[in-house]
Amino acid sequence: MIRLVISVFLYFFCSSFSIAQNFTISGKILDSKDNAPLIGVNVLLTKENDSVFQKGASTDLEGNFSIENVETGNYKLNISYVSFKSFDKSILVNANLDLKTITLVEDSKLLKEVIVEEKQIRVQQLGDTSQFNANAFKTNKDATTEDLLTKMPGVTSENGTVKVNGEEVKRVLVDGRPFLAMIHELQCKIYLLIS
């Protein structure tokens, strides 16, 4: 009789111990292209019958992750990382689980060409001269010089007179040459072509 009581007690003790036991899920996440470790990947564990329950981890410098204190049960594992396709897997946890190596594939839909262009300098102050970069100002294809000038900060055009911050501009240089001299030279070339 005593043996029977001890056996029943041990059975319930062992079964309750196994139910309360927690396990660890671990693994390593690599880039499928070059097998490089992916750092900071989100690893989320959700119970299949209880989406409120969640445990998570993120990968370290070598791509390793570990989720501890996981109870026995069925779970959904979701692995996500920016510009990579998500990885989903259903798993049964009833012992420590090493998922070994998981490779993530780049999501080609997200990988569009990005062109980084240096911002152009619009205005430079060189002593008492303000130098404007015309390429840094957007104008229509059929824009006049006046259209360009009025886009420049502090520049106004009144009755054919160009002013910067209210002061009349005495001389305008284009590529280091006097603007009016260039217009005169251009008019001479046009006159020669017509003649």
C-alpha atoms as a PDB file:
ATOM      1  CA  MET A   1       0.000   0.000   0.000  1.00  0.00           C
ATOM      2  CA  ILE A   2       2.799   2.376   0.932  1.00  0.00           C
ATOM      3  CA  ARG A   3       4.519   1.584  -2.382  1.00  0.00           C
ATOM      4  CA  LEU A   4       1.334   2.415  -4.269  1.00  0.00           C
ATOM      5  CA  VAL A   5       0.968   5.766  -2.469  1.00  0.00           C
ATOM      6  CA  ILE A   6       4.631   6.623  -3.100  1.00  0.00           C
ATOM      7  CA  SER A   7       4.304   5.631  -6.777  1.00  0.00           C
ATOM      8  CA  VAL A   8       1.182   7.769  -7.239  1.00  0.00           C
ATOM      9  CA  PHE A   9       2.852  10.682  -5.440  1.00  0.00           C
ATOM     10  CA  LEU A  10       5.993  10.399  -7.595  1.00  0.00           C
ATOM     11  CA  TYR A  11       3.872  10.202 -10.768  1.00  0.00           C
ATOM     12  CA  PHE A  12       1.976  13.408  -9.944  1.00  0.00           C
ATOM     13  CA  PHE A  13       5.146  15.147  -8.747  1.00  0.00           C
ATOM     14  CA  CYS A  14       7.042  14.260 -11.919  1.00  0.00           C
ATOM     15  CA  SER A  15       4.144  15.160 -14.221  1.00  0.00           C
ATOM     16  CA  SER A  16       3.583  18.510 -12.490  1.00  0.00           C
ATOM     17  CA  PHE A  17       7.337  19.175 -12.660  1.00  0.00           C
ATOM     18  CA  SER A  18       7.374  18.458 -16.411  1.00  0.00           C
ATOM     19  CA  ILE A  19       4.348  20.719 -16.971  1.00  0.00           C
ATOM     20  CA  ALA A  20       5.949  23.608 -15.098  1.00  0.00           C
ATOM     21  CA  GLN A  21       9.309  23.150 -16.799  1.00  0.00           C
ATOM     22  CA  ASN A  22      10.451  25.942 -19.114  1.00  0.00           C
ATOM     23  CA  PHE A  23      12.644  25.605 -22.172  1.00  0.00           C
ATOM     24  CA  THR A  24      14.923  27.701 -24.375  1.00  0.00           C
ATOM     25  CA  ILE A  25      14.601  28.297 -28.120  1.00  0.00           C
ATOM     26  CA  SER A  26      17.791  29.341 -29.873  1.00  0.00           C
ATOM     27  CA  GLY A  27      19.206  29.722 -33.347  1.00  0.00           C
ATOM     28  CA  LYS A  28      21.389  31.731 -35.704  1.00  0.00           C
ATOM     29  CA  ILE A  29      20.164  34.028 -38.492  1.00  0.00           C
ATOM     30  CA  LEU A  30      22.257  34.672 -41.606  1.00  0.00           C
ATOM     31  CA  ASP A  31      21.925  36.514 -44.898  1.00  0.00           C
ATOM     32  CA  SER A  32      21.187  33.917 -47.599  1.00  0.00           C
ATOM     33  CA  LYS A  33      23.334  35.819 -50.119  1.00  0.00           C
ATOM     34  CA  ASP A  34      26.692  35.706 -48.351  1.00  0.00           C
ATOM     35  CA  ASN A  35      26.003  33.862 -45.052  1.00  0.00           C
ATOM     36  CA  ALA A  36      26.868  37.016 -43.095  1.00  0.00           C
ATOM     37  CA  PRO A  37      25.275  37.251 -39.629  1.00  0.00           C
ATOM     38  CA  LEU A  38      22.298  39.606 -39.419  1.00  0.00           C
ATOM     39  CA  ILE A  39      22.392  41.848 -36.347  1.00  0.00           C
ATOM     40  CA  GLY A  40      19.257  43.102 -34.559  1.00  0.00           C
ATOM     41  CA  VAL A  41      16.784  40.769 -36.276  1.00  0.00           C
ATOM     42  CA  ASN A  42      13.388  40.638 -34.490  1.00  0.00           C
ATOM     43  CA  VAL A  43      12.418  37.132 -33.343  1.00  0.00           C
ATOM     44  CA  LEU A  44       8.850  36.904 -32.023  1.00  0.00           C
ATOM     45  CA  LEU A  45       7.222  33.860 -30.423  1.00  0.00           C
ATOM     46  CA  THR A  46       3.403  33.699 -30.142  1.00  0.00           C
ATOM     47  CA  LYS A  47       1.242  30.905 -28.723  1.00  0.00           C
ATOM     48  CA  GLU A  48      -0.892  29.367 -31.469  1.00  0.00           C
ATOM     49  CA  ASN A  49      -4.061  29.532 -29.359  1.00  0.00           C
ATOM     50  CA  ASP A  50      -3.272  32.799 -27.545  1.00  0.00           C
ATOM     51  CA  SER A  51      -2.007  35.688 -29.667  1.00  0.00           C
ATOM     52  CA  VAL A  52      -1.742  37.890 -26.564  1.00  0.00           C
ATOM     53  CA  PHE A  53       1.129  35.782 -25.213  1.00  0.00           C
ATOM     54  CA  GLN A  54       4.350  36.917 -26.814  1.00  0.00           C
ATOM     55  CA  LYS A  55       8.034  36.500 -26.088  1.00  0.00           C
ATOM     56  CA  GLY A  56      10.803  37.894 -28.171  1.00  0.00           C
ATOM     57  CA  ALA A  57      14.489  38.419 -28.707  1.00  0.00           C
ATOM     58  CA  SER A  58      16.851  40.007 -31.197  1.00  0.00           C
ATOM     59  CA  THR A  59      20.038  38.690 -32.708  1.00  0.00           C
ATOM     60  CA  ASP A  60      23.479  39.648 -31.386  1.00  0.00           C
ATOM     61  CA  LEU A  61      26.617  40.618 -33.333  1.00  0.00           C
ATOM     62  CA  GLU A  62      27.042  37.028 -34.534  1.00  0.00           C
ATOM     63  CA  GLY A  63      23.407  36.562 -35.547  1.00  0.00           C
ATOM     64  CA  ASN A  64      22.528  34.386 -32.536  1.00  0.00           C
ATOM     65  CA  PHE A  65      19.266  34.633 -30.587  1.00  0.00           C
ATOM     66  CA  SER A  66      17.843  32.928 -27.517  1.00  0.00           C
ATOM     67  CA  ILE A  67      14.317  32.993 -26.056  1.00  0.00           C
ATOM     68  CA  GLU A  68      14.233  31.610 -22.517  1.00  0.00           C
ATOM     69  CA  ASN A  69      11.522  30.432 -20.104  1.00  0.00           C
ATOM     70  CA  VAL A  70       9.217  29.067 -22.803  1.00  0.00           C
ATOM     71  CA  GLU A  71       6.518  26.713 -21.555  1.00  0.00           C
ATOM     72  CA  THR A  72       5.558  23.512 -23.336  1.00  0.00           C
ATOM     73  CA  GLY A  73       3.154  24.118 -26.192  1.00  0.00           C
ATOM     74  CA  ASN A  74       2.595  24.957 -29.848  1.00  0.00           C
ATOM     75  CA  TYR A  75       3.950  28.312 -31.022  1.00  0.00           C
ATOM     76  CA  LYS A  76       4.296  30.465 -34.109  1.00  0.00           C
ATOM     77  CA  LEU A  77       7.772  31.840 -34.701  1.00  0.00           C
ATOM     78  CA  ASN A  78       8.054  35.037 -36.732  1.00  0.00           C
ATOM     79  CA  ILE A  79      11.423  36.443 -37.807  1.00  0.00           C
ATOM     80  CA  SER A  80      11.514  39.875 -39.434  1.00  0.00           C
ATOM     81  CA  TYR A  81      14.233  42.237 -40.582  1.00  0.00           C
ATOM     82  CA  VAL A  82      14.179  45.416 -42.674  1.00  0.00           C
ATOM     83  CA  SER A  83      14.523  44.768 -46.449  1.00  0.00           C
ATOM     84  CA  PHE A  84      14.294  40.976 -45.956  1.00  0.00           C
ATOM     85  CA  LYS A  85      11.339  38.604 -46.405  1.00  0.00           C
ATOM     86  CA  SER A  86       9.735  37.510 -43.137  1.00  0.00           C
ATOM     87  CA  PHE A  87      10.268  33.946 -41.963  1.00  0.00           C
ATOM     88  CA  ASP A  88       7.338  32.132 -40.267  1.00  0.00           C
ATOM     89  CA  LYS A  89       7.375  28.675 -38.709  1.00  0.00           C
ATOM     90  CA  SER A  90       5.085  26.635 -36.451  1.00  0.00           C
ATOM     91  CA  ILE A  91       7.016  24.861 -33.691  1.00  0.00           C
ATOM     92  CA  LEU A  92       6.266  22.453 -30.856  1.00  0.00           C
ATOM     93  CA  VAL A  93       8.201  23.160 -27.667  1.00  0.00           C
ATOM     94  CA  ASN A  94       8.565  20.218 -25.285  1.00  0.00           C
ATOM     95  CA  ALA A  95      12.331  20.424 -24.770  1.00  0.00           C
ATOM     96  CA  ASN A  96      15.142  22.902 -25.426  1.00  0.00           C
ATOM     97  CA  LEU A  97      14.956  23.677 -29.130  1.00  0.00           C
ATOM     98  CA  ASP A  98      17.937  24.669 -31.282  1.00  0.00           C
ATOM     99  CA  LEU A  99      16.705  25.840 -34.676  1.00  0.00           C
ATOM    100  CA  LYS A 100      20.292  25.809 -35.962  1.00  0.00           C
ATOM    101  CA  THR A 101      20.799  28.235 -38.879  1.00  0.00           C
ATOM    102  CA  ILE A 102      17.970  30.194 -40.492  1.00  0.00           C
ATOM    103  CA  THR A 103      18.733  32.199 -43.631  1.00  0.00           C
ATOM    104  CA  LEU A 104      16.725  35.256 -44.638  1.00  0.00           C
ATOM    105  CA  VAL A 105      16.230  36.248 -48.273  1.00  0.00           C
ATOM    106  CA  GLU A 106      16.351  39.867 -49.438  1.00  0.00           C
ATOM    107  CA  ASP A 107      13.000  41.292 -50.513  1.00  0.00           C
ATOM    108  CA  SER A 108      13.660  42.538 -54.050  1.00  0.00           C
ATOM    109  CA  LYS A 109      10.418  44.548 -54.024  1.00  0.00           C
ATOM    110  CA  LEU A 110      11.843  46.782 -51.318  1.00  0.00           C
ATOM    111  CA  LEU A 111      15.259  47.181 -52.894  1.00  0.00           C
ATOM    112  CA  LYS A 112      14.828  50.069 -55.309  1.00  0.00           C
ATOM    113  CA  GLU A 113      17.661  52.219 -56.562  1.00  0.00           C
ATOM    114  CA  VAL A 114      18.479  55.107 -54.270  1.00  0.00           C
ATOM    115  CA  ILE A 115      20.578  57.992 -55.550  1.00  0.00           C
ATOM    116  CA  VAL A 116      22.146  60.223 -52.935  1.00  0.00           C
ATOM    117  CA  GLU A 117      23.066  63.593 -54.342  1.00  0.00           C
ATOM    118  CA  GLU A 118      25.095  66.218 -52.570  1.00  0.00           C
ATOM    119  CA  LYS A 119      23.137  69.378 -51.883  1.00  0.00           C
ATOM    120  CA  GLN A 120      24.417  72.236 -54.008  1.00  0.00           C
ATOM    121  CA  ILE A 121      25.623  75.419 -52.388  1.00  0.00           C
ATOM    122  CA  ARG A 122      23.180  78.164 -53.362  1.00  0.00           C
ATOM    123  CA  VAL A 123      24.935  81.277 -52.072  1.00  0.00           C
ATOM    124  CA  GLN A 124      28.493  82.070 -50.998  1.00  0.00           C
ATOM    125  CA  GLN A 125      29.708  85.312 -49.510  1.00  0.00           C
ATOM    126  CA  LEU A 126      33.162  86.194 -50.841  1.00  0.00           C
ATOM    127  CA  GLY A 127      34.189  89.443 -49.173  1.00  0.00           C
ATOM    128  CA  ASP A 128      31.738  92.103 -50.387  1.00  0.00           C
ATOM    129  CA  THR A 129      30.537  89.865 -53.256  1.00  0.00           C
ATOM    130  CA  SER A 130      27.542  87.532 -53.106  1.00  0.00           C
ATOM    131  CA  GLN A 131      28.043  84.555 -55.398  1.00  0.00           C
ATOM    132  CA  PHE A 132      24.897  82.656 -56.472  1.00  0.00           C
ATOM    133  CA  ASN A 133      24.998  79.209 -58.087  1.00  0.00           C
ATOM    134  CA  ALA A 134      22.359  79.312 -60.862  1.00  0.00           C
ATOM    135  CA  ASN A 135      22.251  75.480 -61.097  1.00  0.00           C
ATOM    136  CA  ALA A 136      20.955  75.307 -57.516  1.00  0.00           C
ATOM    137  CA  PHE A 137      17.720  77.137 -58.409  1.00  0.00           C
ATOM    138  CA  LYS A 138      14.927  75.400 -60.308  1.00  0.00           C
ATOM    139  CA  THR A 139      13.373  77.287 -63.198  1.00  0.00           C
ATOM    140  CA  ASN A 140      11.256  76.395 -66.200  1.00  0.00           C
ATOM    141  CA  LYS A 141      13.011  75.601 -69.493  1.00  0.00           C
ATOM    142  CA  ASP A 142      11.747  78.814 -71.058  1.00  0.00           C
ATOM    143  CA  ALA A 143      12.668  80.993 -68.042  1.00  0.00           C
ATOM    144  CA  THR A 144      14.330  84.364 -68.485  1.00  0.00           C
ATOM    145  CA  THR A 145      17.277  85.742 -66.559  1.00  0.00           C
ATOM    146  CA  GLU A 146      14.826  87.814 -64.532  1.00  0.00           C
ATOM    147  CA  ASP A 147      12.903  84.641 -63.566  1.00  0.00           C
ATOM    148  CA  LEU A 148      16.128  83.128 -62.293  1.00  0.00           C
ATOM    149  CA  LEU A 149      17.150  86.259 -60.382  1.00  0.00           C
ATOM    150  CA  THR A 150      13.833  86.547 -58.547  1.00  0.00           C
ATOM    151  CA  LYS A 151      14.254  82.972 -57.257  1.00  0.00           C
ATOM    152  CA  MET A 152      17.497  83.923 -55.524  1.00  0.00           C
ATOM    153  CA  PRO A 153      17.129  84.932 -51.849  1.00  0.00           C
ATOM    154  CA  GLY A 154      16.978  88.685 -51.295  1.00  0.00           C
ATOM    155  CA  VAL A 155      17.163  89.485 -55.034  1.00  0.00           C
ATOM    156  CA  THR A 156      14.499  91.649 -56.689  1.00  0.00           C
ATOM    157  CA  SER A 157      14.161  93.192 -60.108  1.00  0.00           C
ATOM    158  CA  GLU A 158      12.466  96.608 -60.316  1.00  0.00           C
ATOM    159  CA  ASN A 159      12.193  98.586 -63.578  1.00  0.00           C
ATOM    160  CA  GLY A 160      15.188  96.785 -65.071  1.00  0.00           C
ATOM    161  CA  THR A 161      17.284  97.399 -61.927  1.00  0.00           C
ATOM    162  CA  VAL A 162      18.533  94.395 -59.929  1.00  0.00           C
ATOM    163  CA  LYS A 163      18.589  94.834 -56.152  1.00  0.00           C
ATOM    164  CA  VAL A 164      19.867  92.592 -53.365  1.00  0.00           C
ATOM    165  CA  ASN A 165      18.304  93.251 -49.959  1.00  0.00           C
ATOM    166  CA  GLY A 166      17.163  96.663 -51.223  1.00  0.00           C
ATOM    167  CA  GLU A 167      20.592  97.760 -52.505  1.00  0.00           C
ATOM    168  CA  GLU A 168      21.169  98.257 -56.201  1.00  0.00           C
ATOM    169  CA  VAL A 169      23.598  95.826 -57.836  1.00  0.00           C
ATOM    170  CA  LYS A 170      26.340  97.752 -59.598  1.00  0.00           C
ATOM    171  CA  ARG A 171      27.820  94.858 -61.562  1.00  0.00           C
ATOM    172  CA  VAL A 172      26.645  91.331 -62.466  1.00  0.00           C
ATOM    173  CA  LEU A 173      29.212  88.702 -63.448  1.00  0.00           C
ATOM    174  CA  VAL A 174      28.367  85.441 -65.205  1.00  0.00           C
ATOM    175  CA  ASP A 175      31.153  82.866 -64.894  1.00  0.00           C
ATOM    176  CA  GLY A 176      33.465  85.722 -63.867  1.00  0.00           C
ATOM    177  CA  ARG A 177      32.658  87.926 -66.884  1.00  0.00           C
ATOM    178  CA  PRO A 178      30.536  91.097 -66.848  1.00  0.00           C
ATOM    179  CA  PHE A 179      26.955  90.216 -67.729  1.00  0.00           C
ATOM    180  CA  LEU A 180      26.312  93.284 -69.925  1.00  0.00           C
ATOM    181  CA  ALA A 181      29.532  92.656 -71.891  1.00  0.00           C
ATOM    182  CA  MET A 182      28.309  89.109 -72.556  1.00  0.00           C
ATOM    183  CA  ILE A 183      24.959  90.409 -73.811  1.00  0.00           C
ATOM    184  CA  HIS A 184      26.758  92.916 -76.083  1.00  0.00           C
ATOM    185  CA  GLU A 185      29.026  90.151 -77.410  1.00  0.00           C
ATOM    186  CA  LEU A 186      26.002  87.918 -78.035  1.00  0.00           C
ATOM    187  CA  GLN A 187      24.163  90.734 -79.858  1.00  0.00           C
ATOM    188  CA  CYS A 188      27.229  91.273 -82.078  1.00  0.00           C
ATOM    189  CA  LYS A 189      27.326  87.555 -82.946  1.00  0.00           C
ATOM    190  CA  ILE A 190      23.612  87.574 -83.801  1.00  0.00           C
ATOM    191  CA  TYR A 191      24.111  90.725 -85.948  1.00  0.00           C
ATOM    192  CA  LEU A 192      27.008  89.044 -87.800  1.00  0.00           C
ATOM    193  CA  LEU A 193      24.920  85.933 -88.423  1.00  0.00           C
ATOM    194  CA  ILE A 194      22.026  88.017 -89.790  1.00  0.00           C
ATOM    195  CA  SER A 195      24.385  90.025 -91.991  1.00  0.00           C
END
